[in-house]
Amino acid sequence: MSKNIKIVTFNLRSQYKGDGINAFIHRAGLIYDKIQQEKPDVVSFQEVIEPHYDVLPKLMPEYTFLGQFREANYTGEGVFTAIRTADWLPIFYDVFWISPTPHVAASRFEDQSHCPRICVVTALRHNSSGKFIRVCNIHLDHVGESARVKGIRCVLDKMAEYDRELPMPTLLLGDFNAEPGSETIRVTDASIAPKLYDLTGHIPSTFHGYGDYAPGKIDYIYATETLKNAVGEVKIWDDEHCGIYLSDHYPVCAEFDTEII
């Protein structure tokens, strides 16, 4: 019998005074219930702040968290990847700033917003099947298309570097802050090394803003060919209870067959 694995990209939303009933303290129970129901293998979180990180390991004690906060003193908003400990062994872990100097803390492109951006890279071995995957978790700039294009090129260059050193099936996922048809997505779609396939092409919207903004699609899961061939269902988590959502983004979950990977 095949063992399917679930991998999720989940913009958690930072903390804002105007969130009302959708403040994290109210969403945390819904997030816990969803994780317990779905039991994903890997969850790639964006917009994690320190109060979130105080709570998440308690909500998800079955997971190992790898990542960091993005400012020069390693505070502020962060990107973290949660890995189901019983099923996966991390064999490689790296974090770099999406910038001209990827290993200089808080570095940015000149035309970027004030927010540094990071990528969390984890290479994992599946304990029961022995298969390997790499997960690249990103959050691109929210202001400038030029910075996003430079950012995704930086990430693609680093992915090619990782693959030269240790080839394996790879996922690139996260909050691209770019809609379909944008230059950022065109650059990603046109990538040759690595060649990537958008697994979310059928999903019309991932950002809903709790109804305060026009919905749009800015969250993606891309895969190299082996994982593209192994993919089954790809869906959003659109849970809502009494006006409370998991986040202002719908998490996106992709399911893969380990017998094909």
C-alpha atoms as a PDB file:
ATOM      1  CA  MET A   1       0.000   0.000   0.000  1.00  0.00           C
ATOM      2  CA  SER A   2       1.364   3.400  -0.937  1.00  0.00           C
ATOM      3  CA  LYS A   3       2.015   6.001   1.736  1.00  0.00           C
ATOM      4  CA  ASN A   4       0.863   9.450   0.707  1.00  0.00           C
ATOM      5  CA  ILE A   5       2.560  12.488   2.187  1.00  0.00           C
ATOM      6  CA  LYS A   6       1.070  15.953   2.665  1.00  0.00           C
ATOM      7  CA  ILE A   7       3.070  19.143   2.316  1.00  0.00           C
ATOM      8  CA  VAL A   8       1.527  22.528   3.084  1.00  0.00           C
ATOM      9  CA  THR A   9       2.398  26.166   2.534  1.00  0.00           C
ATOM     10  CA  PHE A  10       0.803  28.333   5.216  1.00  0.00           C
ATOM     11  CA  ASN A  11       1.104  32.096   5.584  1.00  0.00           C
ATOM     12  CA  LEU A  12       0.245  32.394   9.265  1.00  0.00           C
ATOM     13  CA  ARG A  13      -0.328  36.174   9.245  1.00  0.00           C
ATOM     14  CA  SER A  14       1.605  38.432  11.556  1.00  0.00           C
ATOM     15  CA  GLN A  15      -0.095  40.260  14.433  1.00  0.00           C
ATOM     16  CA  TYR A  16      -2.181  43.379  13.751  1.00  0.00           C
ATOM     17  CA  LYS A  17      -4.520  45.326  16.046  1.00  0.00           C
ATOM     18  CA  GLY A  18      -7.353  45.365  13.524  1.00  0.00           C
ATOM     19  CA  ASP A  19      -7.649  41.586  13.229  1.00  0.00           C
ATOM     20  CA  GLY A  20     -10.451  41.389  15.815  1.00  0.00           C
ATOM     21  CA  ILE A  21     -11.919  37.883  15.995  1.00  0.00           C
ATOM     22  CA  ASN A  22      -9.195  36.709  13.611  1.00  0.00           C
ATOM     23  CA  ALA A  23      -6.347  37.595  15.965  1.00  0.00           C
ATOM     24  CA  PHE A  24      -4.018  34.634  16.373  1.00  0.00           C
ATOM     25  CA  ILE A  25      -5.256  33.906  19.899  1.00  0.00           C
ATOM     26  CA  HIS A  26      -8.669  33.112  18.398  1.00  0.00           C
ATOM     27  CA  ARG A  27      -7.314  31.236  15.362  1.00  0.00           C
ATOM     28  CA  ALA A  28      -4.902  29.025  17.292  1.00  0.00           C
ATOM     29  CA  GLY A  29      -7.515  26.455  18.289  1.00  0.00           C
ATOM     30  CA  LEU A  30      -8.773  26.163  14.714  1.00  0.00           C
ATOM     31  CA  ILE A  31      -5.190  25.696  13.493  1.00  0.00           C
ATOM     32  CA  TYR A  32      -4.605  22.994  16.112  1.00  0.00           C
ATOM     33  CA  ASP A  33      -7.769  21.145  15.081  1.00  0.00           C
ATOM     34  CA  LYS A  34      -6.815  21.310  11.388  1.00  0.00           C
ATOM     35  CA  ILE A  35      -3.299  20.010  11.980  1.00  0.00           C
ATOM     36  CA  GLN A  36      -4.638  17.146  14.071  1.00  0.00           C
ATOM     37  CA  GLN A  37      -7.215  16.316  11.412  1.00  0.00           C
ATOM     38  CA  GLU A  38      -4.896  16.451   8.383  1.00  0.00           C
ATOM     39  CA  LYS A  39      -1.623  15.352  10.004  1.00  0.00           C
ATOM     40  CA  PRO A  40       0.560  16.966   7.323  1.00  0.00           C
ATOM     41  CA  ASP A  41       4.125  15.751   6.972  1.00  0.00           C
ATOM     42  CA  VAL A  42       5.618  19.193   6.364  1.00  0.00           C
ATOM     43  CA  VAL A  43       4.166  22.659   6.970  1.00  0.00           C
ATOM     44  CA  SER A  44       6.032  25.641   5.520  1.00  0.00           C
ATOM     45  CA  PHE A  45       5.022  28.712   7.538  1.00  0.00           C
ATOM     46  CA  GLN A  46       5.531  32.358   6.602  1.00  0.00           C
ATOM     47  CA  GLU A  47       4.912  35.499   8.716  1.00  0.00           C
ATOM     48  CA  VAL A  48       5.853  33.765  11.956  1.00  0.00           C
ATOM     49  CA  ILE A  49       6.489  36.225  14.786  1.00  0.00           C
ATOM     50  CA  GLU A  50       7.827  35.486  18.240  1.00  0.00           C
ATOM     51  CA  PRO A  51       4.404  35.198  19.946  1.00  0.00           C
ATOM     52  CA  HIS A  52       3.447  32.638  17.275  1.00  0.00           C
ATOM     53  CA  TYR A  53       6.669  30.752  17.833  1.00  0.00           C
ATOM     54  CA  ASP A  54       5.990  30.618  21.569  1.00  0.00           C
ATOM     55  CA  VAL A  55       2.735  28.791  20.808  1.00  0.00           C
ATOM     56  CA  LEU A  56       3.302  26.747  17.626  1.00  0.00           C
ATOM     57  CA  PRO A  57       5.535  24.034  19.138  1.00  0.00           C
ATOM     58  CA  LYS A  58       2.910  23.566  21.844  1.00  0.00           C
ATOM     59  CA  LEU A  59       0.165  23.257  19.219  1.00  0.00           C
ATOM     60  CA  MET A  60       2.350  20.906  17.156  1.00  0.00           C
ATOM     61  CA  PRO A  61       4.517  18.871  19.566  1.00  0.00           C
ATOM     62  CA  GLU A  62       4.913  16.101  16.969  1.00  0.00           C
ATOM     63  CA  TYR A  63       6.937  18.438  14.735  1.00  0.00           C
ATOM     64  CA  THR A  64      10.495  19.734  14.551  1.00  0.00           C
ATOM     65  CA  PHE A  65      10.702  23.420  13.581  1.00  0.00           C
ATOM     66  CA  LEU A  66      13.542  24.700  11.398  1.00  0.00           C
ATOM     67  CA  GLY A  67      13.867  28.362  10.419  1.00  0.00           C
ATOM     68  CA  GLN A  68      14.638  31.780  11.806  1.00  0.00           C
ATOM     69  CA  PHE A  69      13.545  35.403  12.105  1.00  0.00           C
ATOM     70  CA  ARG A  70      14.708  37.756   9.373  1.00  0.00           C
ATOM     71  CA  GLU A  71      16.155  40.881  11.013  1.00  0.00           C
ATOM     72  CA  ALA A  72      19.871  41.461  11.607  1.00  0.00           C
ATOM     73  CA  ASN A  73      19.493  40.576  15.290  1.00  0.00           C
ATOM     74  CA  TYR A  74      17.361  37.501  14.413  1.00  0.00           C
ATOM     75  CA  THR A  75      14.091  38.977  15.645  1.00  0.00           C
ATOM     76  CA  GLY A  76      10.997  40.209  13.819  1.00  0.00           C
ATOM     77  CA  GLU A  77       9.034  38.207  11.297  1.00  0.00           C
ATOM     78  CA  GLY A  78      10.313  34.791  10.270  1.00  0.00           C
ATOM     79  CA  VAL A  79       9.934  31.757   8.039  1.00  0.00           C
ATOM     80  CA  PHE A  80       9.796  28.296   9.629  1.00  0.00           C
ATOM     81  CA  THR A  81       9.293  24.774   8.307  1.00  0.00           C
ATOM     82  CA  ALA A  82       7.654  22.219  10.604  1.00  0.00           C
ATOM     83  CA  ILE A  83       8.548  18.559   9.981  1.00  0.00           C
ATOM     84  CA  ARG A  84       6.693  15.553  11.413  1.00  0.00           C
ATOM     85  CA  THR A  85       9.450  14.099  13.587  1.00  0.00           C
ATOM     86  CA  ALA A  86       8.344  10.452  13.618  1.00  0.00           C
ATOM     87  CA  ASP A  87       8.272  10.225   9.805  1.00  0.00           C
ATOM     88  CA  TRP A  88      11.128  12.413   8.587  1.00  0.00           C
ATOM     89  CA  LEU A  89      14.814  12.938   9.290  1.00  0.00           C
ATOM     90  CA  PRO A  90      16.304  16.335   8.367  1.00  0.00           C
ATOM     91  CA  ILE A  91      19.627  15.673   6.613  1.00  0.00           C
ATOM     92  CA  PHE A  92      20.407  19.250   5.531  1.00  0.00           C
ATOM     93  CA  TYR A  93      19.244  22.677   6.645  1.00  0.00           C
ATOM     94  CA  ASP A  94      20.108  26.153   5.426  1.00  0.00           C
ATOM     95  CA  VAL A  95      18.685  29.665   5.636  1.00  0.00           C
ATOM     96  CA  PHE A  96      19.652  32.510   3.341  1.00  0.00           C
ATOM     97  CA  TRP A  97      18.493  36.078   2.808  1.00  0.00           C
ATOM     98  CA  ILE A  98      16.937  36.667  -0.602  1.00  0.00           C
ATOM     99  CA  SER A  99      19.400  39.347  -1.631  1.00  0.00           C
ATOM    100  CA  PRO A 100      22.673  39.965  -3.525  1.00  0.00           C
ATOM    101  CA  THR A 101      24.497  38.736  -0.380  1.00  0.00           C
ATOM    102  CA  PRO A 102      22.440  35.736   0.769  1.00  0.00           C
ATOM    103  CA  HIS A 103      24.420  35.006   3.924  1.00  0.00           C
ATOM    104  CA  VAL A 104      24.601  38.597   5.189  1.00  0.00           C
ATOM    105  CA  ALA A 105      21.950  39.022   7.852  1.00  0.00           C
ATOM    106  CA  ALA A 106      19.030  41.305   6.904  1.00  0.00           C
ATOM    107  CA  SER A 107      20.484  42.088   3.460  1.00  0.00           C
ATOM    108  CA  ARG A 108      18.072  43.277   0.752  1.00  0.00           C
ATOM    109  CA  PHE A 109      17.940  44.460  -2.841  1.00  0.00           C
ATOM    110  CA  GLU A 110      18.178  48.245  -3.271  1.00  0.00           C
ATOM    111  CA  ASP A 111      14.659  48.505  -4.722  1.00  0.00           C
ATOM    112  CA  GLN A 112      13.099  46.285  -2.052  1.00  0.00           C
ATOM    113  CA  SER A 113      10.806  47.303   0.797  1.00  0.00           C
ATOM    114  CA  HIS A 114      12.278  47.764   4.285  1.00  0.00           C
ATOM    115  CA  CYS A 115      11.524  44.098   5.011  1.00  0.00           C
ATOM    116  CA  PRO A 116      14.367  41.589   4.621  1.00  0.00           C
ATOM    117  CA  ARG A 117      13.252  38.305   3.049  1.00  0.00           C
ATOM    118  CA  ILE A 118      14.565  34.810   3.723  1.00  0.00           C
ATOM    119  CA  CYS A 119      14.393  31.296   2.321  1.00  0.00           C
ATOM    120  CA  VAL A 120      14.436  28.204   4.560  1.00  0.00           C
ATOM    121  CA  VAL A 121      15.816  25.074   2.867  1.00  0.00           C
ATOM    122  CA  THR A 122      15.388  21.610   4.355  1.00  0.00           C
ATOM    123  CA  ALA A 123      16.438  18.294   2.818  1.00  0.00           C
ATOM    124  CA  LEU A 124      14.567  15.368   4.346  1.00  0.00           C
ATOM    125  CA  ARG A 125      14.635  11.570   4.331  1.00  0.00           C
ATOM    126  CA  HIS A 126      11.303   9.766   4.657  1.00  0.00           C
ATOM    127  CA  ASN A 127      11.878   7.127   7.320  1.00  0.00           C
ATOM    128  CA  SER A 128       9.567   4.410   6.005  1.00  0.00           C
ATOM    129  CA  SER A 129      10.257   4.710   2.274  1.00  0.00           C
ATOM    130  CA  GLY A 130      13.850   5.982   2.357  1.00  0.00           C
ATOM    131  CA  LYS A 131      12.954   8.645  -0.244  1.00  0.00           C
ATOM    132  CA  PHE A 132      14.533  12.103  -0.180  1.00  0.00           C
ATOM    133  CA  ILE A 133      12.974  15.501  -0.861  1.00  0.00           C
ATOM    134  CA  ARG A 134      14.108  19.107  -0.543  1.00  0.00           C
ATOM    135  CA  VAL A 135      11.694  21.854   0.533  1.00  0.00           C
ATOM    136  CA  CYS A 136      12.469  25.524  -0.180  1.00  0.00           C
ATOM    137  CA  ASN A 137      10.140  27.797   1.820  1.00  0.00           C
ATOM    138  CA  ILE A 138      10.033  31.440   0.681  1.00  0.00           C
ATOM    139  CA  HIS A 139       8.304  34.756   1.297  1.00  0.00           C
ATOM    140  CA  LEU A 140       8.998  37.359  -1.408  1.00  0.00           C
ATOM    141  CA  ASP A 141       8.778  41.142  -1.137  1.00  0.00           C
ATOM    142  CA  HIS A 142       5.288  42.611  -0.834  1.00  0.00           C
ATOM    143  CA  VAL A 143       5.956  45.995  -2.468  1.00  0.00           C
ATOM    144  CA  GLY A 144       8.070  45.880  -5.622  1.00  0.00           C
ATOM    145  CA  GLU A 145       7.800  43.574  -8.635  1.00  0.00           C
ATOM    146  CA  SER A 146      11.428  44.321  -9.483  1.00  0.00           C
ATOM    147  CA  ALA A 147      12.542  43.122  -6.040  1.00  0.00           C
ATOM    148  CA  ARG A 148      10.379  40.006  -6.377  1.00  0.00           C
ATOM    149  CA  VAL A 149      11.888  39.179  -9.778  1.00  0.00           C
ATOM    150  CA  LYS A 150      15.412  39.623  -8.425  1.00  0.00           C
ATOM    151  CA  GLY A 151      14.394  37.620  -5.378  1.00  0.00           C
ATOM    152  CA  ILE A 152      13.030  34.640  -7.283  1.00  0.00           C
ATOM    153  CA  ARG A 153      16.124  34.601  -9.513  1.00  0.00           C
ATOM    154  CA  CYS A 154      18.266  34.537  -6.374  1.00  0.00           C
ATOM    155  CA  VAL A 155      16.245  31.606  -5.025  1.00  0.00           C
ATOM    156  CA  LEU A 156      16.401  29.700  -8.341  1.00  0.00           C
ATOM    157  CA  ASP A 157      20.185  30.182  -8.495  1.00  0.00           C
ATOM    158  CA  LYS A 158      20.538  28.806  -4.961  1.00  0.00           C
ATOM    159  CA  MET A 159      18.276  25.864  -5.803  1.00  0.00           C
ATOM    160  CA  ALA A 160      20.494  24.995  -8.781  1.00  0.00           C
ATOM    161  CA  GLU A 161      23.517  25.183  -6.480  1.00  0.00           C
ATOM    162  CA  TYR A 162      21.929  22.803  -3.958  1.00  0.00           C
ATOM    163  CA  ASP A 163      21.000  20.392  -6.728  1.00  0.00           C
ATOM    164  CA  ARG A 164      24.537  20.310  -8.089  1.00  0.00           C
ATOM    165  CA  GLU A 165      25.815  19.378  -4.643  1.00  0.00           C
ATOM    166  CA  LEU A 166      23.045  16.925  -3.692  1.00  0.00           C
ATOM    167  CA  PRO A 167      20.409  16.186  -6.368  1.00  0.00           C
ATOM    168  CA  MET A 168      16.932  15.253  -5.138  1.00  0.00           C
ATOM    169  CA  PRO A 169      13.255  15.958  -5.889  1.00  0.00           C
ATOM    170  CA  THR A 170      12.514  19.524  -4.792  1.00  0.00           C
ATOM    171  CA  LEU A 171       9.578  21.739  -3.858  1.00  0.00           C
ATOM    172  CA  LEU A 172       9.578  25.538  -4.006  1.00  0.00           C
ATOM    173  CA  LEU A 173       6.617  26.882  -2.077  1.00  0.00           C
ATOM    174  CA  GLY A 174       5.422  29.838  -0.088  1.00  0.00           C
ATOM    175  CA  ASP A 175       4.041  33.345  -0.399  1.00  0.00           C
ATOM    176  CA  PHE A 176       5.333  34.796  -3.677  1.00  0.00           C
ATOM    177  CA  ASN A 177       3.295  38.028  -3.264  1.00  0.00           C
ATOM    178  CA  ALA A 178       2.774  37.782  -7.034  1.00  0.00           C
ATOM    179  CA  GLU A 179      -0.326  36.932  -9.020  1.00  0.00           C
ATOM    180  CA  PRO A 180      -0.471  34.634 -12.059  1.00  0.00           C
ATOM    181  CA  GLY A 181       0.762  36.439 -15.162  1.00  0.00           C
ATOM    182  CA  SER A 182       3.181  38.638 -13.227  1.00  0.00           C
ATOM    183  CA  GLU A 183       6.836  38.785 -14.214  1.00  0.00           C
ATOM    184  CA  THR A 184       7.773  36.952 -11.010  1.00  0.00           C
ATOM    185  CA  ILE A 185       5.612  33.977 -11.959  1.00  0.00           C
ATOM    186  CA  ARG A 186       6.749  34.091 -15.605  1.00  0.00           C
ATOM    187  CA  VAL A 187      10.372  33.866 -14.436  1.00  0.00           C
ATOM    188  CA  THR A 188       9.541  30.923 -12.174  1.00  0.00           C
ATOM    189  CA  ASP A 189       7.596  29.131 -14.909  1.00  0.00           C
ATOM    190  CA  ALA A 190      10.471  29.658 -17.380  1.00  0.00           C
ATOM    191  CA  SER A 191      13.149  28.272 -15.073  1.00  0.00           C
ATOM    192  CA  ILE A 192      15.245  25.530 -16.693  1.00  0.00           C
ATOM    193  CA  ALA A 193      17.717  24.712 -13.933  1.00  0.00           C
ATOM    194  CA  PRO A 194      15.744  23.711 -11.992  1.00  0.00           C
ATOM    195  CA  LYS A 195      12.757  22.979 -14.215  1.00  0.00           C
ATOM    196  CA  LEU A 196       9.670  23.629 -12.095  1.00  0.00           C
ATOM    197  CA  TYR A 197       5.989  22.828 -12.484  1.00  0.00           C
ATOM    198  CA  ASP A 198       3.202  24.821 -10.819  1.00  0.00           C
ATOM    199  CA  LEU A 199       0.991  22.391  -8.896  1.00  0.00           C
ATOM    200  CA  THR A 200      -1.528  25.118  -8.035  1.00  0.00           C
ATOM    201  CA  GLY A 201      -2.605  26.139 -11.533  1.00  0.00           C
ATOM    202  CA  HIS A 202      -6.219  25.109 -10.879  1.00  0.00           C
ATOM    203  CA  ILE A 203      -6.493  27.124  -7.660  1.00  0.00           C
ATOM    204  CA  PRO A 204      -8.022  30.549  -8.388  1.00  0.00           C
ATOM    205  CA  SER A 205      -7.356  32.312  -5.075  1.00  0.00           C
ATOM    206  CA  THR A 206      -5.266  31.880  -1.936  1.00  0.00           C
ATOM    207  CA  PHE A 207      -5.477  35.330  -0.290  1.00  0.00           C
ATOM    208  CA  HIS A 208      -8.829  36.487   1.078  1.00  0.00           C
ATOM    209  CA  GLY A 209      -7.901  39.062   3.729  1.00  0.00           C
ATOM    210  CA  TYR A 210     -10.819  38.025   5.964  1.00  0.00           C
ATOM    211  CA  GLY A 211     -13.067  39.657   3.360  1.00  0.00           C
ATOM    212  CA  ASP A 212     -11.459  43.094   3.642  1.00  0.00           C
ATOM    213  CA  TYR A 213      -9.558  42.874   0.342  1.00  0.00           C
ATOM    214  CA  ALA A 214     -10.233  41.566  -3.143  1.00  0.00           C
ATOM    215  CA  PRO A 215      -9.174  37.902  -3.249  1.00  0.00           C
ATOM    216  CA  GLY A 216      -6.099  36.947  -5.237  1.00  0.00           C
ATOM    217  CA  LYS A 217      -3.665  34.121  -5.776  1.00  0.00           C
ATOM    218  CA  ILE A 218      -0.195  34.742  -4.336  1.00  0.00           C
ATOM    219  CA  ASP A 219       0.692  31.397  -2.680  1.00  0.00           C
ATOM    220  CA  TYR A 220       2.173  28.592  -4.791  1.00  0.00           C
ATOM    221  CA  ILE A 221       3.648  25.120  -4.688  1.00  0.00           C
ATOM    222  CA  TYR A 222       6.163  24.358  -7.442  1.00  0.00           C
ATOM    223  CA  ALA A 223       7.774  20.939  -7.924  1.00  0.00           C
ATOM    224  CA  THR A 224      10.532  19.366  -9.954  1.00  0.00           C
ATOM    225  CA  GLU A 225       9.490  16.606 -12.365  1.00  0.00           C
ATOM    226  CA  THR A 226       9.658  13.606 -10.033  1.00  0.00           C
ATOM    227  CA  LEU A 227       7.340  15.250  -7.510  1.00  0.00           C
ATOM    228  CA  LYS A 228       5.097  16.592 -10.287  1.00  0.00           C
ATOM    229  CA  ASN A 229       4.599  13.006 -11.452  1.00  0.00           C
ATOM    230  CA  ALA A 230       3.857  11.849  -7.897  1.00  0.00           C
ATOM    231  CA  VAL A 231       1.305  14.542  -7.019  1.00  0.00           C
ATOM    232  CA  GLY A 232      -2.278  13.643  -6.244  1.00  0.00           C
ATOM    233  CA  GLU A 233      -4.726  16.117  -4.756  1.00  0.00           C
ATOM    234  CA  VAL A 234      -3.774  19.771  -4.342  1.00  0.00           C
ATOM    235  CA  LYS A 235      -6.301  21.840  -2.381  1.00  0.00           C
ATOM    236  CA  ILE A 236      -6.746  24.874  -0.180  1.00  0.00           C
ATOM    237  CA  TRP A 237      -7.682  24.673   3.465  1.00  0.00           C
ATOM    238  CA  ASP A 238     -10.689  27.002   3.549  1.00  0.00           C
ATOM    239  CA  ASP A 239     -11.915  26.171   7.058  1.00  0.00           C
ATOM    240  CA  GLU A 240     -13.994  28.850   8.777  1.00  0.00           C
ATOM    241  CA  HIS A 241     -15.894  28.814  12.064  1.00  0.00           C
ATOM    242  CA  CYS A 242     -18.123  31.694  13.154  1.00  0.00           C
ATOM    243  CA  GLY A 243     -16.140  34.109  10.976  1.00  0.00           C
ATOM    244  CA  ILE A 244     -12.753  32.859  12.195  1.00  0.00           C
ATOM    245  CA  TYR A 245     -10.331  31.550   9.558  1.00  0.00           C
ATOM    246  CA  LEU A 246      -7.006  29.707   9.741  1.00  0.00           C
ATOM    247  CA  SER A 247      -5.340  32.875   8.382  1.00  0.00           C
ATOM    248  CA  ASP A 248      -5.938  35.692   5.908  1.00  0.00           C
ATOM    249  CA  HIS A 249      -4.423  33.296   3.331  1.00  0.00           C
ATOM    250  CA  TYR A 250      -5.823  29.866   2.561  1.00  0.00           C
ATOM    251  CA  PRO A 251      -3.084  27.313   3.270  1.00  0.00           C
ATOM    252  CA  VAL A 252      -2.383  25.128   0.227  1.00  0.00           C
ATOM    253  CA  CYS A 253      -1.862  21.380   0.704  1.00  0.00           C
ATOM    254  CA  ALA A 254      -0.330  19.011  -1.870  1.00  0.00           C
ATOM    255  CA  GLU A 255      -0.407  15.246  -1.506  1.00  0.00           C
ATOM    256  CA  PHE A 256       2.260  12.952  -3.013  1.00  0.00           C
ATOM    257  CA  ASP A 257       2.650   9.191  -3.481  1.00  0.00           C
ATOM    258  CA  THR A 258       5.996   8.062  -2.053  1.00  0.00           C
ATOM    259  CA  GLU A 259       6.002   4.991  -4.326  1.00  0.00           C
ATOM    260  CA  ILE A 260       6.397   7.289  -7.341  1.00  0.00           C
ATOM    261  CA  ILE A 261       8.916   9.752  -5.876  1.00  0.00           C
END
